[in-house]
N, C-alpha and C. Protein backbone atom coordinates (compact mmCIF):
# COMPACT_ATOMS: atom_id res chain seq x y z
N MET A 1 -124.95 -9.22 137.82
CA MET A 1 -124.30 -10.06 136.75
C MET A 1 -123.43 -11.24 137.36
N ALA A 2 -123.95 -12.53 137.03
CA ALA A 2 -123.01 -13.57 137.75
C ALA A 2 -122.10 -14.00 137.12
N ILE A 3 -120.98 -14.32 137.69
CA ILE A 3 -119.80 -14.85 137.03
C ILE A 3 -119.57 -16.62 137.00
N LEU A 4 -120.44 -16.94 137.94
CA LEU A 4 -120.32 -18.60 138.28
C LEU A 4 -121.61 -18.98 137.96
N SER A 5 -122.02 -19.95 136.56
CA SER A 5 -123.06 -20.34 136.53
C SER A 5 -122.87 -21.97 136.17
N LYS A 6 -124.13 -22.80 136.16
CA LYS A 6 -123.95 -23.97 135.32
C LYS A 6 -123.61 -23.78 134.44
N GLY A 7 -122.48 -24.82 133.95
CA GLY A 7 -121.70 -25.12 132.61
C GLY A 7 -120.55 -24.07 132.43
N THR A 8 -120.71 -22.96 133.45
CA THR A 8 -119.24 -22.28 133.21
C THR A 8 -117.87 -22.87 133.16
N THR A 9 -117.01 -22.83 132.24
CA THR A 9 -115.79 -23.40 132.32
C THR A 9 -114.56 -22.37 132.19
N PHE A 10 -113.79 -22.42 132.98
CA PHE A 10 -112.46 -21.67 133.13
C PHE A 10 -111.35 -22.28 132.47
N PRO A 11 -110.98 -22.22 131.21
CA PRO A 11 -109.87 -23.15 130.55
C PRO A 11 -108.52 -23.02 131.58
N SER A 12 -107.55 -23.56 131.45
CA SER A 12 -106.19 -23.75 131.97
C SER A 12 -105.46 -22.45 131.54
N ALA A 13 -105.93 -21.75 130.37
CA ALA A 13 -105.13 -20.68 129.95
C ALA A 13 -105.88 -19.27 130.35
N GLY A 14 -106.94 -19.47 130.85
CA GLY A 14 -107.94 -18.37 131.53
C GLY A 14 -107.50 -18.26 133.00
N GLN A 15 -107.76 -16.97 133.50
CA GLN A 15 -107.36 -16.71 134.76
C GLN A 15 -108.84 -16.21 135.40
N VAL A 16 -108.81 -16.75 136.71
CA VAL A 16 -109.82 -15.92 137.60
C VAL A 16 -109.17 -14.60 138.34
N THR A 17 -109.69 -13.33 137.77
CA THR A 17 -109.09 -12.24 138.22
C THR A 17 -110.10 -11.42 139.54
N SER A 18 -109.21 -10.67 139.97
CA SER A 18 -110.00 -9.65 140.89
C SER A 18 -111.27 -9.23 140.58
N THR A 19 -111.65 -8.83 139.19
CA THR A 19 -112.97 -8.58 138.90
C THR A 19 -113.87 -9.72 139.11
N MET A 20 -113.44 -10.88 138.56
CA MET A 20 -114.23 -11.74 139.05
C MET A 20 -114.74 -12.01 139.99
N LEU A 21 -113.82 -12.17 141.16
CA LEU A 21 -113.72 -12.09 142.56
C LEU A 21 -114.59 -11.31 143.24
N ASN A 22 -114.68 -10.03 142.79
CA ASN A 22 -115.53 -8.84 143.10
C ASN A 22 -116.77 -9.07 142.82
N ASN A 23 -116.89 -9.81 141.59
CA ASN A 23 -118.48 -10.08 140.75
C ASN A 23 -119.22 -10.75 142.09
N LEU A 24 -118.13 -12.03 142.28
CA LEU A 24 -118.65 -13.00 143.09
C LEU A 24 -119.27 -12.38 144.30
N VAL A 25 -118.50 -11.54 145.02
CA VAL A 25 -118.87 -11.21 146.32
C VAL A 25 -120.08 -10.37 146.22
N ASP A 26 -120.39 -9.83 145.18
CA ASP A 26 -121.23 -8.75 144.89
C ASP A 26 -122.66 -9.50 144.56
N ASN A 27 -122.44 -10.63 144.17
CA ASN A 27 -123.73 -11.50 143.92
C ASN A 27 -123.47 -12.84 144.54
N ALA A 28 -124.00 -12.73 145.89
CA ALA A 28 -123.60 -13.69 146.56
C ALA A 28 -124.89 -14.72 146.95
N THR A 29 -125.50 -14.78 145.95
CA THR A 29 -126.97 -15.49 145.80
C THR A 29 -126.81 -16.76 144.97
N PHE A 30 -126.65 -17.84 145.42
CA PHE A 30 -126.77 -19.04 144.51
C PHE A 30 -127.72 -19.92 144.22
N ALA A 31 -128.15 -20.45 143.46
CA ALA A 31 -129.08 -21.80 143.42
C ALA A 31 -128.21 -22.86 143.88
N ALA A 32 -128.94 -24.14 144.38
CA ALA A 32 -127.90 -25.08 144.65
C ALA A 32 -127.17 -25.88 143.79
N ASP A 33 -127.31 -25.70 142.33
CA ASP A 33 -126.67 -26.23 140.95
C ASP A 33 -125.93 -24.94 140.55
N ALA A 34 -125.43 -23.77 141.14
CA ALA A 34 -124.90 -22.61 140.15
C ALA A 34 -123.48 -22.91 140.06
N VAL A 35 -122.68 -23.53 141.24
CA VAL A 35 -121.44 -23.75 141.09
C VAL A 35 -121.11 -24.94 140.21
N ASP A 36 -121.58 -26.25 140.57
CA ASP A 36 -121.47 -27.55 139.87
C ASP A 36 -122.47 -28.01 140.64
N ASN A 37 -122.93 -29.44 139.71
CA ASN A 37 -124.25 -29.93 140.01
C ASN A 37 -123.93 -31.14 140.99
N SER A 38 -122.59 -31.38 141.33
CA SER A 38 -122.53 -32.50 142.40
C SER A 38 -121.89 -32.28 143.77
N THR A 39 -121.42 -31.33 143.70
CA THR A 39 -120.71 -31.04 145.34
C THR A 39 -120.85 -29.45 145.20
N ILE A 40 -121.73 -29.25 146.37
CA ILE A 40 -121.93 -27.41 146.90
C ILE A 40 -122.19 -27.51 148.19
N ILE A 41 -121.78 -26.55 148.90
CA ILE A 41 -122.46 -26.28 150.17
C ILE A 41 -122.60 -25.08 150.32
N LEU A 42 -123.87 -24.65 150.81
CA LEU A 42 -124.09 -23.32 151.35
C LEU A 42 -124.44 -22.95 152.46
N SER A 43 -123.74 -22.49 153.50
CA SER A 43 -123.77 -22.87 154.78
C SER A 43 -123.18 -21.94 155.73
N GLY A 44 -123.78 -21.42 156.67
CA GLY A 44 -123.33 -20.02 157.32
C GLY A 44 -122.41 -19.20 156.95
N GLY A 45 -123.17 -18.60 155.67
CA GLY A 45 -122.19 -17.49 154.79
C GLY A 45 -121.20 -18.27 154.18
N LYS A 46 -120.75 -19.37 153.82
CA LYS A 46 -119.60 -19.76 153.45
C LYS A 46 -120.27 -20.80 152.22
N LEU A 47 -119.47 -20.72 151.11
CA LEU A 47 -119.67 -21.22 149.70
C LEU A 47 -118.15 -22.20 149.47
N ALA A 48 -118.79 -23.60 149.34
CA ALA A 48 -117.60 -24.58 148.96
C ALA A 48 -117.72 -24.99 147.90
N ILE A 49 -117.04 -25.34 146.91
CA ILE A 49 -117.26 -25.85 145.63
C ILE A 49 -116.46 -26.85 145.40
N ASN A 50 -116.82 -27.86 144.55
CA ASN A 50 -115.59 -28.83 144.43
C ASN A 50 -114.30 -28.29 143.45
N THR A 51 -113.47 -28.79 143.73
CA THR A 51 -112.41 -28.05 143.19
C THR A 51 -111.91 -28.74 141.92
N ASP A 52 -112.16 -29.71 141.29
CA ASP A 52 -111.78 -30.44 139.98
C ASP A 52 -111.57 -29.18 138.95
N GLY A 53 -110.38 -29.28 138.26
CA GLY A 53 -110.32 -28.41 137.39
C GLY A 53 -109.70 -27.01 137.65
N LEU A 54 -109.94 -26.68 139.08
CA LEU A 54 -109.09 -25.34 139.62
C LEU A 54 -108.07 -25.59 140.17
N SER A 55 -106.81 -24.98 139.65
CA SER A 55 -105.53 -25.08 140.04
C SER A 55 -104.79 -23.45 140.10
N ALA A 56 -103.73 -23.84 140.79
CA ALA A 56 -102.81 -22.65 140.80
C ALA A 56 -102.33 -21.93 139.51
N SER A 57 -102.53 -22.68 138.38
CA SER A 57 -102.44 -22.22 137.28
C SER A 57 -103.45 -21.21 136.55
N ASN A 58 -104.38 -21.35 136.98
CA ASN A 58 -105.71 -20.49 136.52
C ASN A 58 -106.41 -19.65 137.54
N ILE A 59 -105.71 -19.26 138.51
CA ILE A 59 -106.00 -18.35 139.69
C ILE A 59 -104.83 -17.34 139.46
N ALA A 60 -105.23 -15.96 139.11
CA ALA A 60 -104.40 -14.81 138.78
C ALA A 60 -103.71 -14.50 140.12
N THR A 61 -102.36 -14.13 140.17
CA THR A 61 -101.86 -13.75 141.47
C THR A 61 -102.30 -12.50 142.04
N ASP A 62 -103.05 -11.67 141.29
CA ASP A 62 -103.41 -10.72 142.14
C ASP A 62 -105.32 -10.79 142.51
N ALA A 63 -105.53 -12.16 142.46
CA ALA A 63 -107.19 -12.41 142.47
C ALA A 63 -107.61 -12.46 143.62
N VAL A 64 -106.71 -12.77 144.52
CA VAL A 64 -107.44 -12.92 146.04
C VAL A 64 -106.56 -11.77 146.95
N THR A 65 -107.33 -10.83 147.25
CA THR A 65 -106.89 -9.90 148.14
C THR A 65 -107.98 -9.14 149.43
N PRO A 66 -107.63 -8.80 150.33
CA PRO A 66 -108.65 -8.54 151.34
C PRO A 66 -109.81 -7.40 150.97
N ASP A 67 -109.25 -6.62 149.66
CA ASP A 67 -110.32 -5.92 149.13
C ASP A 67 -111.04 -6.28 147.97
N ALA A 68 -110.73 -7.37 147.77
CA ALA A 68 -111.39 -8.24 146.44
C ALA A 68 -112.56 -9.32 147.31
N VAL A 69 -112.28 -9.56 148.39
CA VAL A 69 -113.06 -10.36 148.88
C VAL A 69 -114.26 -9.66 150.04
N ASP A 70 -113.50 -8.67 150.76
CA ASP A 70 -114.06 -8.20 151.73
C ASP A 70 -114.20 -6.86 151.46
N ARG A 71 -115.28 -6.09 150.99
CA ARG A 71 -115.10 -4.84 150.43
C ARG A 71 -115.13 -3.41 151.82
N ASP A 72 -115.84 -3.80 152.87
CA ASP A 72 -116.06 -3.12 154.19
C ASP A 72 -114.73 -3.01 154.89
N GLY A 73 -113.80 -3.97 154.38
CA GLY A 73 -112.36 -4.07 155.42
C GLY A 73 -112.58 -4.42 156.50
N GLY A 74 -113.13 -5.22 156.65
CA GLY A 74 -113.58 -6.02 158.22
C GLY A 74 -112.83 -7.18 158.39
N GLU A 75 -113.39 -8.50 158.35
CA GLU A 75 -113.04 -9.33 159.02
C GLU A 75 -111.71 -10.48 158.30
N TYR A 76 -111.84 -10.28 156.97
CA TYR A 76 -111.07 -11.26 156.39
C TYR A 76 -109.85 -10.65 155.69
N PHE A 77 -108.57 -11.17 156.23
CA PHE A 77 -107.36 -10.62 155.57
C PHE A 77 -106.56 -11.79 155.08
N LEU A 78 -106.93 -12.20 153.80
CA LEU A 78 -106.26 -13.25 153.08
C LEU A 78 -104.98 -13.18 152.98
N ASP A 79 -104.42 -12.10 152.64
CA ASP A 79 -102.78 -12.30 152.82
C ASP A 79 -102.08 -13.07 153.94
N ASP A 80 -102.87 -12.90 155.15
CA ASP A 80 -102.04 -13.59 156.33
C ASP A 80 -102.35 -15.10 156.42
N VAL A 81 -103.32 -15.75 155.63
CA VAL A 81 -103.52 -17.01 155.49
C VAL A 81 -102.52 -18.21 154.73
N THR A 82 -102.41 -19.08 155.55
CA THR A 82 -101.03 -20.09 154.83
C THR A 82 -102.00 -21.32 155.11
N ALA A 83 -101.44 -22.17 154.20
CA ALA A 83 -101.97 -23.69 153.68
C ALA A 83 -101.03 -24.33 154.65
N LYS A 84 -101.69 -25.70 155.41
CA LYS A 84 -100.83 -26.37 156.14
C LYS A 84 -101.20 -27.91 155.75
N THR A 85 -100.31 -28.59 155.72
CA THR A 85 -100.76 -30.31 155.30
C THR A 85 -100.84 -30.98 156.47
N THR A 86 -101.48 -32.05 156.64
CA THR A 86 -101.23 -32.87 157.48
C THR A 86 -101.04 -34.54 157.15
N LYS A 87 -99.78 -35.19 157.53
CA LYS A 87 -99.54 -36.21 156.78
C LYS A 87 -100.76 -37.14 157.16
N LEU A 88 -101.55 -38.03 156.42
CA LEU A 88 -102.04 -38.95 156.66
C LEU A 88 -101.84 -40.56 157.00
N THR A 89 -100.54 -40.76 156.53
CA THR A 89 -99.96 -41.54 156.88
C THR A 89 -99.29 -41.70 157.99
N PRO A 90 -99.59 -42.53 159.18
CA PRO A 90 -98.82 -42.48 160.42
C PRO A 90 -97.22 -42.66 160.47
N TYR A 91 -96.66 -41.96 161.24
CA TYR A 91 -95.09 -42.10 161.02
C TYR A 91 -94.87 -43.48 161.91
N SER A 92 -93.86 -44.35 161.56
CA SER A 92 -93.68 -45.41 162.30
C SER A 92 -92.19 -45.55 162.58
N ALA A 93 -91.89 -45.86 163.67
CA ALA A 93 -90.31 -46.08 164.16
C ALA A 93 -89.84 -47.22 165.34
N ASN A 94 -88.90 -47.85 165.19
CA ASN A 94 -88.50 -48.49 166.50
C ASN A 94 -87.37 -47.55 167.30
N VAL A 95 -87.82 -47.42 168.44
CA VAL A 95 -87.16 -46.79 169.46
C VAL A 95 -86.69 -47.76 170.68
N SER A 96 -85.61 -46.75 171.16
CA SER A 96 -85.17 -47.32 172.59
C SER A 96 -84.14 -46.30 173.14
N GLY A 97 -83.59 -46.36 174.52
CA GLY A 97 -82.68 -45.42 174.89
C GLY A 97 -83.16 -44.08 175.24
N ALA A 98 -82.48 -43.23 174.68
CA ALA A 98 -82.97 -41.76 174.70
C ALA A 98 -83.66 -41.15 173.34
N VAL A 99 -84.83 -40.87 173.45
CA VAL A 99 -85.78 -40.59 172.33
C VAL A 99 -86.21 -39.14 172.17
N THR A 100 -86.05 -38.68 170.63
CA THR A 100 -86.43 -37.30 170.68
C THR A 100 -87.92 -37.61 169.66
N ILE A 101 -88.80 -36.96 170.02
CA ILE A 101 -90.05 -37.01 169.07
C ILE A 101 -90.10 -35.70 168.37
N ASP A 102 -90.09 -36.09 166.60
CA ASP A 102 -89.80 -34.83 166.13
C ASP A 102 -91.55 -34.71 165.26
N LEU A 103 -92.23 -33.56 165.76
CA LEU A 103 -93.46 -33.42 164.93
C LEU A 103 -93.47 -33.07 163.37
N ASP A 104 -92.20 -32.88 162.52
CA ASP A 104 -92.20 -32.75 161.40
C ASP A 104 -92.35 -34.24 160.48
N ASN A 105 -92.48 -35.18 161.55
CA ASN A 105 -92.55 -36.56 161.22
C ASN A 105 -94.06 -36.85 160.96
N GLY A 106 -95.01 -35.89 161.43
CA GLY A 106 -96.44 -36.07 161.27
C GLY A 106 -97.00 -35.82 162.60
N ASN A 107 -98.17 -35.48 163.00
CA ASN A 107 -98.96 -35.42 164.29
C ASN A 107 -99.65 -36.94 165.09
N PHE A 108 -99.34 -37.97 164.04
CA PHE A 108 -99.85 -39.09 164.57
C PHE A 108 -98.79 -39.99 164.50
N GLN A 109 -98.06 -40.68 165.37
CA GLN A 109 -96.68 -41.47 165.30
C GLN A 109 -96.78 -42.70 166.23
N ILE A 110 -96.48 -43.98 165.59
CA ILE A 110 -96.62 -45.24 166.31
C ILE A 110 -95.14 -45.16 166.55
N LEU A 111 -94.58 -45.57 167.86
CA LEU A 111 -93.07 -46.04 168.22
C LEU A 111 -93.18 -46.96 168.90
N THR A 112 -92.33 -48.29 168.33
CA THR A 112 -92.27 -49.52 168.79
C THR A 112 -91.07 -49.43 169.57
N LEU A 113 -91.41 -49.94 170.71
CA LEU A 113 -90.18 -49.92 171.86
C LEU A 113 -89.47 -51.09 171.62
N ASP A 114 -88.44 -51.24 171.07
CA ASP A 114 -87.63 -52.67 170.83
C ASP A 114 -86.45 -52.52 172.04
N ASP A 115 -86.31 -51.78 173.07
CA ASP A 115 -85.74 -51.86 174.35
C ASP A 115 -86.60 -50.77 175.42
N ASN A 116 -86.00 -50.42 176.25
CA ASN A 116 -86.43 -49.71 177.31
C ASN A 116 -86.29 -48.57 176.81
N ILE A 117 -87.17 -47.29 177.16
CA ILE A 117 -86.86 -45.94 176.64
C ILE A 117 -86.59 -45.05 178.10
N THR A 118 -85.49 -44.76 178.19
CA THR A 118 -84.73 -44.23 179.11
C THR A 118 -84.92 -42.54 179.59
N ALA A 119 -84.90 -42.05 178.45
CA ALA A 119 -85.30 -40.38 178.36
C ALA A 119 -86.11 -39.96 177.01
N ILE A 120 -86.75 -39.29 177.16
CA ILE A 120 -87.53 -38.60 175.94
C ILE A 120 -87.34 -36.94 176.16
N ALA A 121 -86.67 -36.45 175.27
CA ALA A 121 -86.29 -35.19 174.85
C ALA A 121 -87.62 -34.22 174.76
N GLY A 122 -87.45 -32.70 175.16
CA GLY A 122 -88.42 -31.97 174.48
C GLY A 122 -88.95 -32.10 173.07
N MET A 123 -90.29 -31.93 172.83
CA MET A 123 -90.60 -32.47 171.20
C MET A 123 -89.94 -31.52 170.54
N SER A 124 -89.35 -31.68 169.13
CA SER A 124 -88.61 -30.67 168.43
C SER A 124 -89.61 -30.72 167.24
N ASN A 125 -89.61 -29.01 166.68
CA ASN A 125 -90.64 -28.62 165.53
C ASN A 125 -92.15 -28.64 166.15
N GLN A 126 -91.83 -28.20 167.28
CA GLN A 126 -93.48 -27.61 167.72
C GLN A 126 -93.81 -26.44 166.79
N GLU A 127 -95.34 -26.39 166.88
CA GLU A 127 -96.05 -25.25 166.40
C GLU A 127 -97.15 -25.12 167.39
N ALA A 128 -97.43 -23.82 167.75
CA ALA A 128 -98.25 -23.39 168.49
C ALA A 128 -99.80 -24.01 167.81
N GLY A 129 -100.51 -24.61 168.84
CA GLY A 129 -101.77 -24.98 168.43
C GLY A 129 -101.98 -26.41 167.97
N LYS A 130 -100.47 -27.10 167.39
CA LYS A 130 -100.68 -28.14 166.84
C LYS A 130 -100.87 -29.35 167.67
N ALA A 131 -101.85 -30.39 167.51
CA ALA A 131 -102.30 -31.60 168.24
C ALA A 131 -101.30 -32.52 167.71
N PHE A 132 -101.33 -33.50 168.28
CA PHE A 132 -100.43 -35.03 168.50
C PHE A 132 -101.15 -36.09 169.04
N THR A 133 -100.99 -37.27 168.32
CA THR A 133 -100.97 -38.34 169.41
C THR A 133 -100.02 -39.50 169.06
N ILE A 134 -99.44 -40.09 170.05
CA ILE A 134 -98.34 -40.97 169.92
C ILE A 134 -98.48 -42.24 170.40
N LEU A 135 -98.42 -43.35 169.68
CA LEU A 135 -98.78 -44.69 170.33
C LEU A 135 -97.43 -45.37 170.61
N PHE A 136 -96.89 -45.66 171.84
CA PHE A 136 -96.27 -46.62 172.28
C PHE A 136 -96.73 -48.02 172.45
N LYS A 137 -95.61 -48.89 171.48
CA LYS A 137 -95.76 -50.26 171.75
C LYS A 137 -94.76 -51.02 171.70
N PRO A 138 -94.45 -51.52 173.14
CA PRO A 138 -93.59 -52.60 173.35
C PRO A 138 -93.60 -53.81 172.60
N VAL A 139 -92.51 -54.20 172.48
CA VAL A 139 -92.28 -55.65 171.94
C VAL A 139 -91.02 -56.45 172.51
N GLY A 140 -91.26 -57.75 171.99
CA GLY A 140 -90.28 -58.86 172.73
C GLY A 140 -90.42 -58.74 174.51
N ASP A 141 -89.66 -58.28 175.23
CA ASP A 141 -89.73 -58.52 176.70
C ASP A 141 -90.48 -57.40 177.08
N ASP A 142 -90.78 -57.13 178.31
CA ASP A 142 -91.54 -56.10 178.93
C ASP A 142 -90.89 -54.62 178.78
N PHE A 143 -90.67 -54.19 177.61
CA PHE A 143 -90.32 -52.76 177.79
C PHE A 143 -90.87 -51.71 178.46
N THR A 144 -90.29 -50.71 179.00
CA THR A 144 -91.13 -49.81 179.29
C THR A 144 -90.41 -48.22 178.90
N ILE A 145 -91.25 -47.31 179.22
CA ILE A 145 -90.81 -45.68 179.29
C ILE A 145 -90.35 -45.59 181.06
N ALA A 146 -89.41 -45.50 181.28
CA ALA A 146 -89.00 -45.40 182.64
C ALA A 146 -89.62 -44.05 183.35
N THR A 147 -89.88 -44.14 184.52
CA THR A 147 -90.42 -42.84 185.05
C THR A 147 -89.48 -41.95 185.38
N GLY A 148 -89.98 -40.44 185.10
CA GLY A 148 -88.99 -39.54 185.44
C GLY A 148 -88.06 -39.44 183.86
N SER A 149 -88.59 -39.98 182.84
CA SER A 149 -87.61 -39.91 181.66
C SER A 149 -88.11 -38.81 180.88
N TRP A 150 -89.26 -38.17 181.01
CA TRP A 150 -89.65 -37.08 180.28
C TRP A 150 -89.39 -35.69 180.41
N ALA A 151 -88.87 -35.05 179.47
CA ALA A 151 -88.40 -33.72 179.65
C ALA A 151 -89.20 -32.80 180.45
N SER A 152 -88.80 -31.62 181.25
CA SER A 152 -89.61 -30.80 181.72
C SER A 152 -90.70 -29.86 180.80
N THR A 153 -90.54 -30.11 179.65
CA THR A 153 -91.46 -29.21 178.50
C THR A 153 -92.90 -30.20 178.30
N TRP A 154 -92.71 -31.40 178.82
CA TRP A 154 -94.01 -32.03 178.61
C TRP A 154 -94.71 -31.71 180.27
N ILE A 155 -96.01 -31.45 179.92
CA ILE A 155 -96.58 -30.96 180.96
C ILE A 155 -97.50 -31.91 181.16
N TRP A 156 -98.09 -32.61 182.40
CA TRP A 156 -99.02 -33.75 182.58
C TRP A 156 -100.16 -33.20 183.16
N MET A 157 -101.42 -33.99 182.50
CA MET A 157 -102.82 -33.65 183.07
C MET A 157 -102.58 -33.84 184.37
N GLY A 158 -102.82 -33.19 185.93
CA GLY A 158 -102.95 -33.30 187.04
C GLY A 158 -101.52 -33.08 187.67
N GLY A 159 -100.73 -32.89 186.80
CA GLY A 159 -99.21 -32.46 187.32
C GLY A 159 -98.28 -33.62 187.58
N ASP A 160 -98.67 -34.69 187.19
CA ASP A 160 -97.58 -35.92 188.06
C ASP A 160 -97.52 -36.78 186.58
N GLU A 161 -96.25 -37.11 186.19
CA GLU A 161 -95.70 -37.75 185.20
C GLU A 161 -95.71 -39.41 185.46
N PRO A 162 -96.80 -39.94 184.50
CA PRO A 162 -97.36 -41.50 184.58
C PRO A 162 -96.13 -42.10 184.10
N SER A 163 -96.02 -43.56 184.67
CA SER A 163 -95.03 -44.37 184.17
C SER A 163 -95.84 -45.02 182.97
N GLY A 164 -95.06 -45.55 182.04
CA GLY A 164 -95.69 -46.54 181.06
C GLY A 164 -95.93 -47.80 181.44
N SER A 165 -96.79 -48.48 180.84
CA SER A 165 -97.13 -49.97 180.81
C SER A 165 -96.03 -50.92 180.85
N ALA A 166 -96.08 -52.09 181.71
CA ALA A 166 -94.88 -52.76 181.73
C ALA A 166 -95.43 -54.21 181.29
N THR A 167 -96.21 -54.21 180.42
CA THR A 167 -96.74 -55.78 179.94
C THR A 167 -96.36 -55.85 178.15
N ASP A 168 -95.86 -56.96 178.06
CA ASP A 168 -95.77 -57.00 176.39
C ASP A 168 -96.97 -56.92 176.03
N GLY A 169 -97.02 -56.15 174.46
CA GLY A 169 -98.29 -56.17 173.59
C GLY A 169 -99.19 -55.38 173.95
N THR A 170 -99.20 -54.57 175.14
CA THR A 170 -100.18 -53.59 175.46
C THR A 170 -99.54 -52.01 174.94
N ILE A 171 -100.34 -51.23 174.86
CA ILE A 171 -100.10 -50.04 173.89
C ILE A 171 -100.72 -48.68 174.78
N ASP A 172 -99.45 -47.93 174.85
CA ASP A 172 -99.83 -46.52 176.01
C ASP A 172 -100.02 -45.37 174.64
N ILE A 173 -101.10 -44.67 175.11
CA ILE A 173 -101.17 -43.93 173.96
C ILE A 173 -100.94 -42.21 174.66
N VAL A 174 -100.25 -41.49 174.07
CA VAL A 174 -100.04 -39.85 174.89
C VAL A 174 -100.83 -38.89 173.69
N SER A 175 -101.59 -38.24 174.37
CA SER A 175 -102.16 -37.30 173.06
C SER A 175 -101.92 -35.86 173.68
N GLY A 176 -101.70 -34.55 173.21
CA GLY A 176 -101.91 -33.63 173.67
C GLY A 176 -101.75 -32.46 172.66
N VAL A 177 -101.36 -31.34 172.91
CA VAL A 177 -101.31 -30.16 172.07
C VAL A 177 -100.37 -29.26 172.61
N THR A 178 -99.48 -28.51 171.59
CA THR A 178 -98.29 -27.82 171.91
C THR A 178 -98.67 -26.15 171.92
N ASP A 179 -98.03 -25.65 172.74
CA ASP A 179 -97.96 -24.11 172.37
C ASP A 179 -96.93 -23.59 171.63
N GLY A 180 -95.76 -24.14 171.42
CA GLY A 180 -94.93 -24.08 170.76
C GLY A 180 -93.83 -24.09 171.61
N SER A 181 -94.10 -23.89 173.00
CA SER A 181 -92.53 -24.35 173.81
C SER A 181 -93.07 -25.48 174.62
N PHE A 182 -94.59 -26.01 174.93
CA PHE A 182 -94.54 -26.88 175.89
C PHE A 182 -95.49 -28.02 175.64
N CYS A 183 -95.60 -29.14 175.56
CA CYS A 183 -96.52 -30.13 175.10
C CYS A 183 -97.34 -30.52 176.26
N TYR A 184 -98.80 -29.91 176.24
CA TYR A 184 -99.72 -30.58 177.14
C TYR A 184 -100.41 -31.54 177.04
N VAL A 185 -100.19 -32.85 177.94
CA VAL A 185 -100.16 -34.16 177.64
C VAL A 185 -101.20 -34.95 178.73
N THR A 186 -101.80 -36.00 178.14
CA THR A 186 -102.29 -37.26 178.74
C THR A 186 -101.85 -38.26 178.40
N MET A 187 -101.71 -39.42 179.30
CA MET A 187 -101.30 -40.85 178.68
C MET A 187 -102.46 -41.67 179.07
N LEU A 188 -102.94 -42.54 177.87
CA LEU A 188 -103.87 -43.39 178.34
C LEU A 188 -103.06 -44.94 178.33
N LYS A 189 -103.43 -45.68 179.30
CA LYS A 189 -102.07 -46.91 179.44
C LYS A 189 -102.81 -48.05 179.55
N GLY A 190 -102.18 -49.45 178.80
CA GLY A 190 -102.49 -50.48 178.90
C GLY A 190 -103.63 -51.05 177.88
N PHE A 191 -103.61 -50.53 176.77
CA PHE A 191 -104.62 -51.06 175.40
C PHE A 191 -104.00 -52.38 175.54
N ALA A 192 -104.73 -53.34 175.21
CA ALA A 192 -104.26 -54.74 175.03
C ALA A 192 -105.15 -55.29 173.94
């Protein structure tokens, strides 16, 4: 018995239950248009469907458990899965002097130097595995990031901290990843 077929509708008052998910796992063969006729991916043992009409209000709170999805108790533990969001709009700010970069502002940031940067503290709100990119854009005079201004928690490729560019209008890009304590980074300099 299949629980999803073309034309099947789950009203907002109805809920997708554990039993329905068990049936879905038991009947894991689908035609290309079985779920919806516009968006479906059947690849690598995974099924993705268009989420139009599917919301938290029509999924029962007991609907997704390790037993409901993986009956042999193997590789899926959905109670440990959490959703993360990424900000798609870059964070922008004017900076100078002593600066702290906060990853809660997003993992892509554009920082405009309106004077020299004299110190960059350890990054705040780091999460292990989080990647980030920071664009430093000087304006006005030739504002720079002073050599030796980065905190010791910034670990540079090759071991040497680079100096920032010293030309008005050029952009330096710092990219890296954090392990939750340290930021492992590279700097690309002098984009004009």
